[in-house]
């Protein structure tokens, strides 16, 4: 037995909810059979298996297995067939205490992957579960997941999720904010972009959800930015796509800088005695919103029961004072990914816009303007003048560690990744 196969069967969920021991053993045996049937280990550069093959999947967070499942594209039935679907109930074996992950985290990840696969291969979001899955029914955790989001599944006893049900559940699990849904629906009615495509782009890792929100709310042609179909020969449209991709990418960099806890913060904790912490699961719970009027981002850290009220959020290490915001305090950042020549002309006006934002409704605790590393192409005296102007107006000036050129290179990669080739 290979190491991959051993992991597949020995490091399984701590607890599987609602199934008898024979059902679990039968599912594991079928999963093992599928794993063994692959007859090879994945090697770098190897081709991915075709969608019509039965493939085993495992969703893990560090060394914790939250779900295992199989899936295949059944061409004749135009659906996704699932023969194994097991999700975990994670708890501490010694104390039997849970709460480490959402109880439906594994089901969420597996369900999203199945629906994304249906979109990728170009079929309706329809799923059929085999008799090996809870006696041929839709798994209980998926039923609970649908109920949580107000989606009714009408054929659970027949192990089937119909296309309209799958679409509703896919979009609900993606988590599009209420403020974004009318715009997505409008794009769909205009035939410019389907909601499923917007969801797939998020789950395919092309753009994050806040980045998609920023593109849709800030761009006049969000479908062109998200599709990646504009060629350099279409000069004006291509420049539009690059401009709004830069905006989204700078916002994404800022999102991640604020969400992640770094080692410097770990050193500030009195009970911490080691550095280099693995913080895969340790991210701040931020409410991230786009403010399209000012082409900016709004951040509010939600209160965390686990972290208490002492988990202050520092500003990113972007050449500014790393002052800390308490949970509930609002940070508003105007994103200005301009080249140096444009910064020289526009940055004074950007700082004044930040002042206007500070006095607008939902007044922020801190207001800032973020510029790219191109800022350092300005004369030192000019840079210092801008810094002094911002400070005098009560605005923080942030300098992103990326240049507009590197942001454009990232944008070009995003455009290529957005061109979805369906099987």
Protein backbone atom coordinates (compact mmCIF):
# COMPACT_ATOMS: atom_id res chain seq x y z
CA UNK A 1 0.00 0.00 0.00
CA UNK A 2 1.37 3.44 -0.92
CA UNK A 3 1.78 6.26 1.55
CA UNK A 4 -1.07 8.11 -0.19
CA UNK A 5 -3.36 5.10 0.24
CA UNK A 6 -2.38 4.67 3.89
CA UNK A 7 -3.22 8.30 4.63
CA UNK A 8 -6.52 7.90 2.82
CA UNK A 9 -7.71 5.20 5.20
CA UNK A 10 -5.89 5.63 8.51
CA UNK A 11 -6.09 9.40 9.08
CA UNK A 12 -9.80 9.69 8.55
CA UNK A 13 -12.29 11.93 10.34
CA UNK A 14 -12.37 11.66 14.11
CA UNK A 15 -16.11 11.14 13.92
CA UNK A 16 -18.58 10.60 11.10
CA UNK A 17 -22.04 11.85 11.84
CA UNK A 18 -25.21 9.79 11.54
CA UNK A 19 -23.84 6.64 9.85
CA UNK A 20 -23.59 3.09 11.10
CA UNK A 21 -20.25 1.34 11.32
CA UNK A 22 -21.02 -0.97 8.34
CA UNK A 23 -21.96 2.04 6.20
CA UNK A 24 -18.70 3.79 7.07
CA UNK A 25 -16.63 0.65 6.45
CA UNK A 26 -18.34 0.05 3.12
CA UNK A 27 -17.70 3.65 2.04
CA UNK A 28 -14.05 3.44 3.10
CA UNK A 29 -13.63 0.19 1.20
CA UNK A 30 -15.01 1.77 -1.97
CA UNK A 31 -12.79 4.83 -1.47
CA UNK A 32 -9.76 2.57 -1.04
CA UNK A 33 -10.73 0.73 -4.21
CA UNK A 34 -10.84 3.99 -6.16
CA UNK A 35 -7.49 5.13 -4.73
CA UNK A 36 -5.88 1.78 -5.57
CA UNK A 37 -7.36 1.90 -9.04
CA UNK A 38 -5.38 5.00 -9.89
CA UNK A 39 -2.27 2.75 -10.28
CA UNK A 40 0.10 5.69 -10.04
CA UNK A 41 1.31 8.55 -7.90
CA UNK A 42 0.95 12.13 -9.09
CA UNK A 43 4.25 13.52 -10.38
CA UNK A 44 5.12 17.14 -11.23
CA UNK A 45 3.93 18.01 -14.71
CA UNK A 46 1.67 14.97 -14.97
CA UNK A 47 -1.68 15.43 -16.68
CA UNK A 48 -4.76 15.64 -14.51
CA UNK A 49 -7.23 12.78 -14.91
CA UNK A 50 -10.16 13.41 -17.19
CA UNK A 51 -13.47 14.43 -15.67
CA UNK A 52 -15.13 11.20 -16.81
CA UNK A 53 -12.81 9.14 -14.58
CA UNK A 54 -13.82 8.34 -11.01
CA UNK A 55 -11.42 10.33 -8.83
CA UNK A 56 -10.85 10.33 -5.06
CA UNK A 57 -10.63 13.60 -3.15
CA UNK A 58 -9.67 14.51 0.38
CA UNK A 59 -10.11 17.89 2.08
CA UNK A 60 -7.66 18.58 4.90
CA UNK A 61 -6.66 21.45 7.12
CA UNK A 62 -3.08 20.76 8.21
CA UNK A 63 -3.28 17.14 9.48
CA UNK A 64 -7.06 17.12 10.05
CA UNK A 65 -9.21 15.36 7.44
CA UNK A 66 -12.59 17.08 7.15
CA UNK A 67 -14.03 15.19 4.18
CA UNK A 68 -13.35 12.49 1.61
CA UNK A 69 -15.39 11.86 -1.52
CA UNK A 70 -15.27 10.61 -5.09
CA UNK A 71 -16.78 12.12 -8.21
CA UNK A 72 -17.01 11.61 -11.95
CA UNK A 73 -18.66 13.36 -14.89
CA UNK A 74 -21.32 11.01 -16.26
CA UNK A 75 -21.70 12.18 -19.84
CA UNK A 76 -24.80 10.19 -20.71
CA UNK A 77 -26.69 11.49 -17.66
CA UNK A 78 -25.14 14.99 -17.86
CA UNK A 79 -24.46 15.06 -14.13
CA UNK A 80 -21.78 14.43 -11.50
CA UNK A 81 -21.85 10.97 -9.95
CA UNK A 82 -20.71 10.53 -6.35
CA UNK A 83 -20.01 7.08 -4.87
CA UNK A 84 -18.36 8.09 -1.57
CA UNK A 85 -19.16 11.09 0.61
CA UNK A 86 -17.91 11.15 4.20
CA UNK A 87 -17.52 14.27 6.34
CA UNK A 88 -16.00 14.59 9.77
CA UNK A 89 -17.09 15.84 13.13
CA UNK A 90 -13.83 17.17 14.56
CA UNK A 91 -13.30 17.09 18.30
CA UNK A 92 -10.48 16.65 20.77
CA UNK A 93 -10.16 12.93 21.44
CA UNK A 94 -9.10 13.43 25.03
CA UNK A 95 -11.78 15.88 26.12
CA UNK A 96 -14.39 15.15 23.41
CA UNK A 97 -14.76 18.91 22.95
CA UNK A 98 -15.58 20.29 19.52
CA UNK A 99 -15.82 23.76 18.04
CA UNK A 100 -12.48 23.81 16.26
CA UNK A 101 -14.14 24.09 12.85
CA UNK A 102 -17.64 24.73 11.67
CA UNK A 103 -19.44 21.41 11.91
CA UNK A 104 -20.32 21.57 8.20
CA UNK A 105 -16.91 22.79 6.99
CA UNK A 106 -16.10 19.48 5.32
CA UNK A 107 -19.48 19.26 3.64
CA UNK A 108 -19.13 22.84 2.40
CA UNK A 109 -15.72 22.21 0.82
CA UNK A 110 -16.79 18.94 -0.82
CA UNK A 111 -20.09 20.33 -2.11
CA UNK A 112 -18.44 23.40 -3.60
CA UNK A 113 -15.84 21.22 -5.33
CA UNK A 114 -18.54 19.00 -6.83
CA UNK A 115 -20.55 21.96 -8.16
CA UNK A 116 -17.40 23.63 -9.48
CA UNK A 117 -16.55 20.44 -11.34
CA UNK A 118 -20.01 20.41 -12.92
CA UNK A 119 -19.48 23.98 -14.14
CA UNK A 120 -15.97 23.20 -15.35
CA UNK A 121 -17.08 20.30 -17.55
CA UNK A 122 -19.98 22.33 -18.92
CA UNK A 123 -23.03 20.58 -17.51
CA UNK A 124 -25.92 21.73 -15.28
CA UNK A 125 -25.16 21.68 -11.56
CA UNK A 126 -26.84 18.31 -11.13
CA UNK A 127 -25.53 15.61 -8.78
CA UNK A 128 -26.47 11.93 -8.32
CA UNK A 129 -25.38 10.04 -5.21
CA UNK A 130 -24.93 6.26 -5.53
CA UNK A 131 -26.36 3.61 -3.21
CA UNK A 132 -22.99 3.53 -1.44
CA UNK A 133 -23.72 7.04 -0.10
CA UNK A 134 -26.06 6.79 2.90
CA UNK A 135 -28.25 4.21 1.22
CA UNK A 136 -28.70 6.23 -1.97
CA UNK A 137 -29.86 9.45 -0.27
CA UNK A 138 -28.43 12.94 -0.44
CA UNK A 139 -25.93 13.07 2.47
CA UNK A 140 -27.40 14.40 5.68
CA UNK A 141 -24.74 17.10 5.98
CA UNK A 142 -25.59 18.48 2.53
CA UNK A 143 -29.28 18.53 3.49
CA UNK A 144 -28.36 20.42 6.66
CA UNK A 145 -26.15 22.75 4.64
CA UNK A 146 -28.98 23.51 2.23
CA UNK A 147 -31.40 24.14 5.10
CA UNK A 148 -28.91 26.54 6.69
CA UNK A 149 -28.98 28.64 3.51
CA UNK A 150 -32.71 28.31 2.84
CA UNK A 151 -32.34 26.02 -0.19
CA UNK A 152 -34.93 23.25 -0.52
CA UNK A 153 -33.81 19.89 -1.90
CA UNK A 154 -36.82 17.98 -3.21
CA UNK A 155 -35.26 14.61 -4.07
CA UNK A 156 -33.10 13.76 -1.08
CA UNK A 157 -34.45 10.19 -0.79
CA UNK A 158 -33.54 9.53 -4.39
CA UNK A 159 -30.02 10.83 -3.87
CA UNK A 160 -30.43 13.60 -6.43
CA UNK A 161 -29.78 17.33 -6.48
CA UNK A 162 -31.44 18.92 -9.49
CA UNK A 163 -29.82 21.68 -11.54
CA UNK A 164 -31.85 24.57 -10.15
CA UNK A 165 -31.28 23.36 -6.59
CA UNK A 166 -27.55 22.96 -7.25
CA UNK A 167 -27.33 26.44 -8.71
CA UNK A 168 -29.08 28.00 -5.69
CA UNK A 169 -26.88 26.11 -3.24
CA UNK A 170 -23.68 26.89 -5.17
CA UNK A 171 -24.36 30.61 -5.12
CA UNK A 172 -25.44 30.56 -1.47
CA UNK A 173 -22.27 28.74 -0.40
CA UNK A 174 -20.10 31.16 -2.36
CA UNK A 175 -21.32 33.89 -0.05
CA UNK A 176 -21.95 36.80 -2.41
CA UNK A 177 -22.92 39.76 -0.20
CA UNK A 178 -26.49 40.99 -0.50
CA UNK A 179 -25.23 44.31 -1.90
CA UNK A 180 -23.54 42.46 -4.79
CA UNK A 181 -26.32 40.09 -5.85
CA UNK A 182 -28.50 42.62 -7.75
CA UNK A 183 -25.50 43.64 -9.86
CA UNK A 184 -24.66 40.01 -10.66
CA UNK A 185 -28.30 39.34 -11.55
CA UNK A 186 -28.29 42.37 -13.85
CA UNK A 187 -25.16 41.13 -15.64
CA UNK A 188 -26.85 37.74 -16.04
CA UNK A 189 -30.04 39.29 -17.50
CA UNK A 190 -27.90 41.26 -19.93
CA UNK A 191 -26.21 38.05 -21.04
CA UNK A 192 -22.78 39.31 -19.99
CA UNK A 193 -21.85 36.91 -17.20
CA UNK A 194 -23.62 34.06 -15.42
CA UNK A 195 -23.67 34.00 -11.60
CA UNK A 196 -22.20 30.48 -11.80
CA UNK A 197 -19.18 31.86 -13.63
CA UNK A 198 -18.64 34.51 -10.96
CA UNK A 199 -18.81 31.79 -8.29
CA UNK A 200 -16.47 29.49 -10.21
CA UNK A 201 -13.88 32.26 -10.59
CA UNK A 202 -13.82 32.58 -6.79
CA UNK A 203 -13.55 28.83 -6.13
CA UNK A 204 -11.06 28.31 -8.95
CA UNK A 205 -8.74 30.69 -7.11
CA UNK A 206 -8.58 33.26 -9.91
CA UNK A 207 -9.98 36.12 -7.82
CA UNK A 208 -11.01 36.25 -4.17
CA UNK A 209 -14.55 37.16 -3.20
CA UNK A 210 -13.61 40.73 -2.10
CA UNK A 211 -11.65 41.14 -5.34
CA UNK A 212 -14.66 40.04 -7.41
CA UNK A 213 -16.84 42.46 -5.45
CA UNK A 214 -14.39 45.29 -6.15
CA UNK A 215 -14.28 44.51 -9.87
CA UNK A 216 -18.06 44.23 -10.25
CA UNK A 217 -18.88 47.38 -8.26
CA UNK A 218 -16.04 49.60 -9.52
CA UNK A 219 -15.66 48.69 -13.19
CA UNK A 220 -17.89 49.86 -16.04
CA UNK A 221 -17.23 46.53 -17.80
CA UNK A 222 -16.78 43.92 -15.04
CA UNK A 223 -17.59 41.06 -17.42
CA UNK A 224 -14.54 41.92 -19.52
CA UNK A 225 -12.26 42.06 -16.48
CA UNK A 226 -13.49 38.72 -15.12
CA UNK A 227 -13.64 36.88 -18.45
CA UNK A 228 -10.03 37.53 -19.47
CA UNK A 229 -11.11 37.58 -23.12
CA UNK A 230 -9.79 41.05 -24.05
CA UNK A 231 -6.65 40.97 -26.19
CA UNK A 232 -3.84 43.61 -26.17
CA UNK A 233 -4.85 44.59 -29.72
CA UNK A 234 -8.07 45.99 -28.26
CA UNK A 235 -6.07 48.81 -26.76
CA UNK A 236 -8.67 50.85 -24.89
CA UNK A 237 -10.56 47.87 -23.47
CA UNK A 238 -7.29 46.14 -22.56
CA UNK A 239 -6.15 49.24 -20.66
CA UNK A 240 -9.50 49.30 -18.85
CA UNK A 241 -9.05 45.67 -17.85
CA UNK A 242 -5.48 46.27 -16.63
CA UNK A 243 -6.50 49.34 -14.64
CA UNK A 244 -9.29 47.56 -12.77
CA UNK A 245 -7.20 44.41 -12.34
CA UNK A 246 -4.49 46.53 -10.71
CA UNK A 247 -7.11 47.97 -8.38
CA UNK A 248 -8.39 44.53 -7.42
CA UNK A 249 -4.90 43.09 -6.98
CA UNK A 250 -3.73 45.91 -4.72
CA UNK A 251 -6.93 45.46 -2.70
CA UNK A 252 -6.27 41.72 -2.47
CA UNK A 253 -2.73 42.31 -1.21
CA UNK A 254 -4.10 44.66 1.43
CA UNK A 255 -6.81 42.15 2.40
CA UNK A 256 -4.26 39.42 3.02
CA UNK A 257 -1.87 41.71 4.88
CA UNK A 258 -4.61 42.68 7.31
CA UNK A 259 -6.07 39.19 7.73
CA UNK A 260 -2.82 37.36 8.42
CA UNK A 261 -1.19 37.39 11.81
CA UNK A 262 2.58 37.55 11.45
CA UNK A 263 5.45 36.53 13.70
CA UNK A 264 5.95 40.10 14.92
CA UNK A 265 2.46 39.97 16.37
CA UNK A 266 3.13 36.51 17.83
CA UNK A 267 6.12 37.94 19.72
CA UNK A 268 3.85 40.52 21.34
CA UNK A 269 1.75 37.82 22.97
CA UNK A 270 3.05 37.25 26.51
CA UNK A 271 2.30 33.52 26.50
CA UNK A 272 4.01 32.87 23.17
CA UNK A 273 7.46 31.27 23.43
CA UNK A 274 8.27 30.30 19.86
CA UNK A 275 8.41 31.92 16.46
CA UNK A 276 7.65 30.62 12.99
CA UNK A 277 4.11 29.65 13.92
CA UNK A 278 1.98 27.78 11.40
CA UNK A 279 -0.99 30.11 11.09
CA UNK A 280 -2.93 28.34 8.32
CA UNK A 281 -6.17 28.63 10.28
CA UNK A 282 -5.25 31.74 12.23
CA UNK A 283 -6.75 34.64 10.28
CA UNK A 284 -8.67 37.64 11.46
CA UNK A 285 -12.39 37.66 10.88
CA UNK A 286 -12.75 40.82 8.79
CA UNK A 287 -15.79 42.38 7.19
CA UNK A 288 -14.28 43.54 3.88
CA UNK A 289 -16.34 45.81 1.65
CA UNK A 290 -15.82 47.79 -1.51
CA UNK A 291 -16.54 51.52 -1.43
CA UNK A 292 -17.02 52.15 -5.17
CA UNK A 293 -17.56 55.89 -4.87
CA UNK A 294 -13.95 56.32 -3.72
CA UNK A 295 -12.49 53.17 -5.33
CA UNK A 296 -11.52 51.92 -1.93
CA UNK A 297 -11.81 49.19 0.66
CA UNK A 298 -13.52 49.25 4.05
CA UNK A 299 -12.39 46.97 6.90
CA UNK A 300 -13.98 46.19 10.23
CA UNK A 301 -12.65 43.42 12.41
CA UNK A 302 -15.44 41.40 13.97
CA UNK A 303 -15.30 40.56 17.65
CA UNK A 304 -13.77 37.15 18.26
CA UNK A 305 -14.77 35.12 21.30
CA UNK A 306 -11.57 33.09 20.99
CA UNK A 307 -9.26 36.09 20.65
CA UNK A 308 -11.11 38.30 23.14
CA UNK A 309 -11.10 42.08 22.86
CA UNK A 310 -7.30 42.38 22.93
CA UNK A 311 -6.68 41.23 19.37
CA UNK A 312 -6.00 44.66 17.88
CA UNK A 313 -5.37 44.78 14.13
CA UNK A 314 -2.18 46.61 13.06
CA UNK A 315 -1.97 48.49 9.79
CA UNK A 316 0.04 46.59 7.16
CA UNK A 317 3.81 46.97 6.96
CA UNK A 318 3.46 49.37 4.01
CA UNK A 319 5.88 52.15 5.05
CA UNK A 320 3.47 53.63 7.56
CA UNK A 321 3.02 53.65 11.31
CA UNK A 322 1.58 50.29 12.33
CA UNK A 323 -1.07 51.72 14.60
CA UNK A 324 -3.63 49.20 15.84
CA UNK A 325 -7.39 49.17 15.41
CA UNK A 326 -9.62 47.52 17.97
CA UNK A 327 -12.44 45.19 16.90
CA UNK A 328 -15.34 47.27 15.62
CA UNK A 329 -13.18 50.20 14.50
CA UNK A 330 -13.33 51.00 10.79
CA UNK A 331 -10.40 51.35 8.39
CA UNK A 332 -11.04 53.01 5.01
CA UNK A 333 -8.33 52.80 2.34
CA UNK A 334 -8.47 54.54 -1.05
CA UNK A 335 -6.61 52.36 -3.58
CA UNK A 336 -4.56 54.35 -6.07
CA UNK A 337 -2.36 52.01 -8.18
CA UNK A 338 -0.97 54.80 -10.35
CA UNK A 339 2.39 55.12 -12.14
CA UNK A 340 4.79 57.76 -10.83
CA UNK A 341 3.92 60.43 -13.40
CA UNK A 342 0.24 60.07 -12.54
CA UNK A 343 0.95 60.12 -8.80
CA UNK A 344 2.83 63.40 -9.20
CA UNK A 345 -0.30 65.00 -10.65
CA UNK A 346 -3.13 63.18 -8.85
CA UNK A 347 -1.93 62.27 -5.36
CA UNK A 348 -2.75 65.63 -3.81
CA UNK A 349 -6.34 65.23 -5.02
CA UNK A 350 -6.38 61.63 -3.74
CA UNK A 351 -5.43 62.86 -0.26
CA UNK A 352 -8.26 65.40 -0.38
CA UNK A 353 -10.67 62.63 -1.43
CA UNK A 354 -9.56 60.69 1.65
CA UNK A 355 -10.47 63.72 3.77
CA UNK A 356 -13.93 63.77 2.17
CA UNK A 357 -14.27 60.04 2.88
CA UNK A 358 -13.37 60.64 6.53
CA UNK A 359 -16.37 62.95 6.86
CA UNK A 360 -18.80 60.73 4.91
CA UNK A 361 -21.37 58.41 6.53
CA UNK A 362 -20.00 55.35 8.34
CA UNK A 363 -17.12 57.55 9.41
CA UNK A 364 -13.89 55.52 9.62
CA UNK A 365 -11.55 55.50 12.58
CA UNK A 366 -8.59 55.62 10.21
CA UNK A 367 -8.52 56.75 6.59
CA UNK A 368 -5.60 56.07 4.26
CA UNK A 369 -4.44 56.26 0.65
CA UNK A 370 -2.53 53.26 -0.73
CA UNK A 371 -0.12 53.80 -3.61
CA UNK A 372 2.21 51.36 -5.42
CA UNK A 373 5.98 51.16 -5.06
CA UNK A 374 6.21 53.50 -8.06
CA UNK A 375 5.91 56.23 -5.41
CA UNK A 376 9.69 55.86 -4.93
CA UNK A 377 10.27 56.91 -8.55
CA UNK A 378 9.33 60.44 -7.49
CA UNK A 379 12.01 62.83 -6.30
CA UNK A 380 12.74 62.36 -2.57
CA UNK A 381 11.65 65.93 -1.88
CA UNK A 382 8.37 65.29 -3.68
CA UNK A 383 7.80 62.10 -1.70
CA UNK A 384 8.40 63.92 1.57
CA UNK A 385 6.05 66.69 0.53
CA UNK A 386 3.25 64.20 -0.09
CA UNK A 387 3.90 62.48 3.24
CA UNK A 388 3.75 65.80 5.08
CA UNK A 389 0.57 66.83 3.25
CA UNK A 390 -1.12 63.54 4.15
CA UNK A 391 -0.06 63.79 7.80
CA UNK A 392 -1.28 67.38 8.02
CA UNK A 393 -4.68 66.32 6.71
CA UNK A 394 -4.92 63.34 9.10
CA UNK A 395 -4.52 60.80 6.28
CA UNK A 396 -2.15 57.83 6.40
CA UNK A 397 -0.09 57.25 3.26
CA UNK A 398 0.60 53.56 2.56
CA UNK A 399 3.15 52.34 0.01
CA UNK A 400 2.38 48.88 -1.38
CA UNK A 401 5.50 46.71 -1.87
CA UNK A 402 4.49 45.99 -5.50
CA UNK A 403 4.98 48.24 -8.53
CA UNK A 404 2.34 48.86 -11.18
CA UNK A 405 4.48 46.79 -13.55
CA UNK A 406 4.37 43.76 -11.25
CA UNK A 407 0.63 44.29 -10.71
CA UNK A 408 0.15 44.30 -14.50
CA UNK A 409 2.12 41.06 -14.78
CA UNK A 410 -0.12 39.50 -12.12
CA UNK A 411 -3.16 40.83 -13.99
CA UNK A 412 -2.05 39.18 -17.23
CA UNK A 413 -1.76 35.84 -15.42
CA UNK A 414 -5.24 36.34 -13.99
CA UNK A 415 -6.60 37.02 -17.48
CA UNK A 416 -5.14 33.76 -18.77
CA UNK A 417 -6.49 31.81 -15.79
CA UNK A 418 -9.95 33.35 -16.32
CA UNK A 419 -10.26 31.83 -19.81
CA UNK A 420 -12.03 28.68 -18.71
CA UNK A 421 -11.61 25.76 -21.09
CA UNK A 422 -14.36 23.24 -20.51
CA UNK A 423 -13.97 19.56 -21.33
